[in-house]
Amino acid sequence: MSIWWSLHLRREAASVPLARRLLLGTMETAGVDPDVSYDLSVALTEACANAVEHGGGTAAGGTEAYRVTAYLDGEKCRIEVADSGPGFARSAAARPARTDAEHGRGLCLIEELADHVHIGNKPGRGGAVVSFDKMLKWRDNAPLVTAS
């Protein structure tokens, strides 16, 4: 079974918990292990917070926005957060944050919580893209897992 959804959200702090709750609800309904769901929700929160804080620029229609897309497909979940801001400076995306820093640890946290992470810029139009995936574990008797 595959599930996917995409949200177009305003760059406002209130949008972050909305995306997180939708992801957690989807995972709970699908029967994903709560620990995996939690890790992915924290990573999503960090990626959305980055888009809200740094993803300046104006999307079509005159509102500042970013996009969140999530795919649960078989044994993997992939999440992508894309904004319309200036994107990442080459050195910033690859540089680890100081552990005592007040800000700048979000990308490192995403890398710790996910199995695979890609941090980059959208080609052409600009904007940052953070995508990450994680192998799923399922609860016993998960409703959306098909029997083999």
C-alpha atoms as a PDB file:
ATOM      1  CA  MET A   1       0.000   0.000   0.000  1.00  0.00           C
ATOM      2  CA  SER A   2       1.212   3.478  -0.840  1.00  0.00           C
ATOM      3  CA  ILE A   3       0.088   6.755   0.699  1.00  0.00           C
ATOM      4  CA  TRP A   4       1.220  10.213  -0.312  1.00  0.00           C
ATOM      5  CA  TRP A   5       0.152  13.748   0.409  1.00  0.00           C
ATOM      6  CA  SER A   6       1.383  17.231  -0.347  1.00  0.00           C
ATOM      7  CA  LEU A   7       0.732  20.483   1.494  1.00  0.00           C
ATOM      8  CA  HIS A   8       1.237  24.041   0.323  1.00  0.00           C
ATOM      9  CA  LEU A   9       1.712  25.988   3.572  1.00  0.00           C
ATOM     10  CA  ARG A  10       2.147  29.637   4.486  1.00  0.00           C
ATOM     11  CA  ARG A  11       5.524  30.517   5.947  1.00  0.00           C
ATOM     12  CA  GLU A  12       4.086  30.960   9.420  1.00  0.00           C
ATOM     13  CA  ALA A  13       5.061  29.227  12.638  1.00  0.00           C
ATOM     14  CA  ALA A  14       1.510  27.844  13.012  1.00  0.00           C
ATOM     15  CA  SER A  15       1.994  25.726   9.867  1.00  0.00           C
ATOM     16  CA  VAL A  16       4.735  23.603  11.446  1.00  0.00           C
ATOM     17  CA  PRO A  17       2.577  21.696  13.966  1.00  0.00           C
ATOM     18  CA  LEU A  18      -0.089  21.246  11.285  1.00  0.00           C
ATOM     19  CA  ALA A  19       2.362  19.355   9.054  1.00  0.00           C
ATOM     20  CA  ARG A  20       3.645  17.358  12.030  1.00  0.00           C
ATOM     21  CA  ARG A  21       0.148  16.329  13.171  1.00  0.00           C
ATOM     22  CA  LEU A  22      -0.828  15.270   9.653  1.00  0.00           C
ATOM     23  CA  LEU A  23       2.291  13.095   9.385  1.00  0.00           C
ATOM     24  CA  LEU A  24       1.755  11.528  12.819  1.00  0.00           C
ATOM     25  CA  GLY A  25      -1.916  10.860  12.078  1.00  0.00           C
ATOM     26  CA  THR A  26      -1.075   9.248   8.748  1.00  0.00           C
ATOM     27  CA  MET A  27       1.569   7.045  10.334  1.00  0.00           C
ATOM     28  CA  GLU A  28      -0.652   6.010  13.228  1.00  0.00           C
ATOM     29  CA  THR A  29      -3.500   5.131  10.860  1.00  0.00           C
ATOM     30  CA  ALA A  30      -1.130   3.136   8.646  1.00  0.00           C
ATOM     31  CA  GLY A  31       0.265   1.234  11.640  1.00  0.00           C
ATOM     32  CA  VAL A  32       3.839   2.548  11.624  1.00  0.00           C
ATOM     33  CA  ASP A  33       5.879   1.875  14.765  1.00  0.00           C
ATOM     34  CA  PRO A  34       5.564   4.890  17.129  1.00  0.00           C
ATOM     35  CA  ASP A  35       9.352   5.305  17.521  1.00  0.00           C
ATOM     36  CA  VAL A  36       9.823   5.601  13.746  1.00  0.00           C
ATOM     37  CA  SER A  37       6.858   7.979  13.535  1.00  0.00           C
ATOM     38  CA  TYR A  38       8.337  10.147  16.272  1.00  0.00           C
ATOM     39  CA  ASP A  39      11.774  10.338  14.606  1.00  0.00           C
ATOM     40  CA  LEU A  40      10.229  11.347  11.290  1.00  0.00           C
ATOM     41  CA  SER A  41       7.950  13.906  12.932  1.00  0.00           C
ATOM     42  CA  VAL A  42      10.888  15.583  14.683  1.00  0.00           C
ATOM     43  CA  ALA A  43      12.861  15.648  11.410  1.00  0.00           C
ATOM     44  CA  LEU A  44       9.832  17.113   9.608  1.00  0.00           C
ATOM     45  CA  THR A  45       9.422  19.748  12.329  1.00  0.00           C
ATOM     46  CA  GLU A  46      13.046  20.827  11.885  1.00  0.00           C
ATOM     47  CA  ALA A  47      12.774  20.987   8.079  1.00  0.00           C
ATOM     48  CA  CYS A  48       9.535  23.006   8.265  1.00  0.00           C
ATOM     49  CA  ALA A  49      10.987  25.365  10.878  1.00  0.00           C
ATOM     50  CA  ASN A  50      13.932  26.011   8.534  1.00  0.00           C
ATOM     51  CA  ALA A  51      11.553  26.767   5.651  1.00  0.00           C
ATOM     52  CA  VAL A  52       9.533  29.148   7.832  1.00  0.00           C
ATOM     53  CA  GLU A  53      12.607  30.956   9.134  1.00  0.00           C
ATOM     54  CA  HIS A  54      14.846  31.004   6.056  1.00  0.00           C
ATOM     55  CA  GLY A  55      12.613  30.247   3.063  1.00  0.00           C
ATOM     56  CA  GLY A  56      11.883  33.836   2.070  1.00  0.00           C
ATOM     57  CA  GLY A  57      10.588  34.791  -1.316  1.00  0.00           C
ATOM     58  CA  THR A  58       7.091  34.959  -2.635  1.00  0.00           C
ATOM     59  CA  ALA A  59       5.275  32.072  -4.251  1.00  0.00           C
ATOM     60  CA  ALA A  60       2.754  32.438  -7.060  1.00  0.00           C
ATOM     61  CA  GLY A  61      -0.364  34.187  -5.835  1.00  0.00           C
ATOM     62  CA  GLY A  62       1.486  36.660  -3.629  1.00  0.00           C
ATOM     63  CA  THR A  63       1.796  34.632  -0.410  1.00  0.00           C
ATOM     64  CA  GLU A  64       5.007  33.392   1.081  1.00  0.00           C
ATOM     65  CA  ALA A  65       4.762  29.615   1.175  1.00  0.00           C
ATOM     66  CA  TYR A  66       6.585  26.312   1.280  1.00  0.00           C
ATOM     67  CA  ARG A  67       5.629  22.792   0.273  1.00  0.00           C
ATOM     68  CA  VAL A  68       5.725  19.530   2.241  1.00  0.00           C
ATOM     69  CA  THR A  69       5.313  16.187   0.494  1.00  0.00           C
ATOM     70  CA  ALA A  70       5.297  12.800   2.227  1.00  0.00           C
ATOM     71  CA  TYR A  71       5.323   9.333   0.648  1.00  0.00           C
ATOM     72  CA  LEU A  72       4.794   6.099   2.552  1.00  0.00           C
ATOM     73  CA  ASP A  73       5.581   3.396   0.053  1.00  0.00           C
ATOM     74  CA  GLY A  74       6.106  -0.174   1.146  1.00  0.00           C
ATOM     75  CA  GLU A  75       8.911  -0.198   3.655  1.00  0.00           C
ATOM     76  CA  LYS A  76      10.063   3.421   3.314  1.00  0.00           C
ATOM     77  CA  CYS A  77       8.832   6.916   4.085  1.00  0.00           C
ATOM     78  CA  ARG A  78      10.225   9.845   2.104  1.00  0.00           C
ATOM     79  CA  ILE A  79       9.573  13.448   3.086  1.00  0.00           C
ATOM     80  CA  GLU A  80      10.472  16.559   1.106  1.00  0.00           C
ATOM     81  CA  VAL A  81      10.259  20.174   2.261  1.00  0.00           C
ATOM     82  CA  ALA A  82      10.847  22.829  -0.414  1.00  0.00           C
ATOM     83  CA  ASP A  83      10.733  26.611  -0.109  1.00  0.00           C
ATOM     84  CA  SER A  84      11.098  29.581  -2.447  1.00  0.00           C
ATOM     85  CA  GLY A  85      13.877  31.359  -0.580  1.00  0.00           C
ATOM     86  CA  PRO A  86      17.491  31.995  -1.547  1.00  0.00           C
ATOM     87  CA  GLY A  87      18.495  28.361  -1.012  1.00  0.00           C
ATOM     88  CA  PHE A  88      21.541  27.053   0.787  1.00  0.00           C
ATOM     89  CA  ALA A  89      25.009  28.484   0.402  1.00  0.00           C
ATOM     90  CA  ARG A  90      27.232  25.600  -0.694  1.00  0.00           C
ATOM     91  CA  SER A  91      29.260  25.655   2.510  1.00  0.00           C
ATOM     92  CA  ALA A  92      26.245  26.044   4.815  1.00  0.00           C
ATOM     93  CA  ALA A  93      24.541  22.814   3.751  1.00  0.00           C
ATOM     94  CA  ALA A  94      27.686  20.752   4.294  1.00  0.00           C
ATOM     95  CA  ARG A  95      28.929  22.403   7.499  1.00  0.00           C
ATOM     96  CA  PRO A  96      28.041  20.689  10.786  1.00  0.00           C
ATOM     97  CA  ALA A  97      26.592  22.946  13.463  1.00  0.00           C
ATOM     98  CA  ARG A  98      28.372  23.553  16.742  1.00  0.00           C
ATOM     99  CA  THR A  99      26.767  21.485  19.484  1.00  0.00           C
ATOM    100  CA  ASP A 100      26.591  24.520  21.790  1.00  0.00           C
ATOM    101  CA  ALA A 101      24.974  26.781  19.168  1.00  0.00           C
ATOM    102  CA  GLU A 102      21.539  28.288  19.829  1.00  0.00           C
ATOM    103  CA  HIS A 103      20.519  27.804  16.178  1.00  0.00           C
ATOM    104  CA  GLY A 104      21.700  25.747  13.238  1.00  0.00           C
ATOM    105  CA  ARG A 105      21.374  22.233  14.621  1.00  0.00           C
ATOM    106  CA  GLY A 106      18.208  21.304  12.703  1.00  0.00           C
ATOM    107  CA  LEU A 107      19.904  19.861   9.616  1.00  0.00           C
ATOM    108  CA  CYS A 108      22.269  17.819  11.787  1.00  0.00           C
ATOM    109  CA  LEU A 109      19.307  16.508  13.759  1.00  0.00           C
ATOM    110  CA  ILE A 110      17.538  15.506  10.544  1.00  0.00           C
ATOM    111  CA  GLU A 111      20.671  13.620   9.470  1.00  0.00           C
ATOM    112  CA  GLU A 112      20.719  11.746  12.780  1.00  0.00           C
ATOM    113  CA  LEU A 113      17.042  10.779  12.680  1.00  0.00           C
ATOM    114  CA  ALA A 114      16.709   9.745   9.025  1.00  0.00           C
ATOM    115  CA  ASP A 115      18.409   6.981   7.048  1.00  0.00           C
ATOM    116  CA  HIS A 116      19.195   9.103   3.991  1.00  0.00           C
ATOM    117  CA  VAL A 117      19.186  12.898   3.671  1.00  0.00           C
ATOM    118  CA  HIS A 118      19.574  15.200   0.670  1.00  0.00           C
ATOM    119  CA  ILE A 119      20.038  18.912   1.269  1.00  0.00           C
ATOM    120  CA  GLY A 120      20.230  21.150  -1.760  1.00  0.00           C
ATOM    121  CA  ASN A 121      18.720  23.842  -3.913  1.00  0.00           C
ATOM    122  CA  LYS A 122      15.967  23.704  -6.500  1.00  0.00           C
ATOM    123  CA  PRO A 123      17.390  24.056  -9.995  1.00  0.00           C
ATOM    124  CA  GLY A 124      16.580  27.247 -11.840  1.00  0.00           C
ATOM    125  CA  ARG A 125      13.970  29.098  -9.788  1.00  0.00           C
ATOM    126  CA  GLY A 126      15.852  28.930  -6.503  1.00  0.00           C
ATOM    127  CA  GLY A 127      14.810  27.784  -3.099  1.00  0.00           C
ATOM    128  CA  ALA A 128      15.998  25.107  -0.731  1.00  0.00           C
ATOM    129  CA  VAL A 129      14.967  21.447  -0.744  1.00  0.00           C
ATOM    130  CA  VAL A 130      15.457  19.115   2.207  1.00  0.00           C
ATOM    131  CA  SER A 131      14.446  15.518   1.563  1.00  0.00           C
ATOM    132  CA  PHE A 132      14.932  12.543   3.819  1.00  0.00           C
ATOM    133  CA  ASP A 133      13.773   8.991   4.118  1.00  0.00           C
ATOM    134  CA  LYS A 134      13.603   6.285   6.726  1.00  0.00           C
ATOM    135  CA  MET A 135      12.869   2.588   6.626  1.00  0.00           C
ATOM    136  CA  LEU A 136       9.551   1.837   8.278  1.00  0.00           C
ATOM    137  CA  LYS A 137       8.789  -0.638  11.029  1.00  0.00           C
ATOM    138  CA  TRP A 138       5.213  -1.694  11.531  1.00  0.00           C
ATOM    139  CA  ARG A 139       3.120  -2.419  14.609  1.00  0.00           C
ATOM    140  CA  ASP A 140       1.718  -5.911  14.899  1.00  0.00           C
ATOM    141  CA  ASN A 141      -1.517  -6.161  12.920  1.00  0.00           C
ATOM    142  CA  ALA A 142      -0.913  -2.830  11.172  1.00  0.00           C
ATOM    143  CA  PRO A 143      -4.066  -2.071   9.175  1.00  0.00           C
ATOM    144  CA  LEU A 144      -2.392  -0.936   5.954  1.00  0.00           C
ATOM    145  CA  VAL A 145       0.263  -3.623   5.674  1.00  0.00           C
ATOM    146  CA  THR A 146      -0.689  -6.259   3.149  1.00  0.00           C
ATOM    147  CA  ALA A 147      -0.093  -9.882   4.091  1.00  0.00           C
ATOM    148  CA  SER A 148       2.617 -11.638   2.116  1.00  0.00           C
END
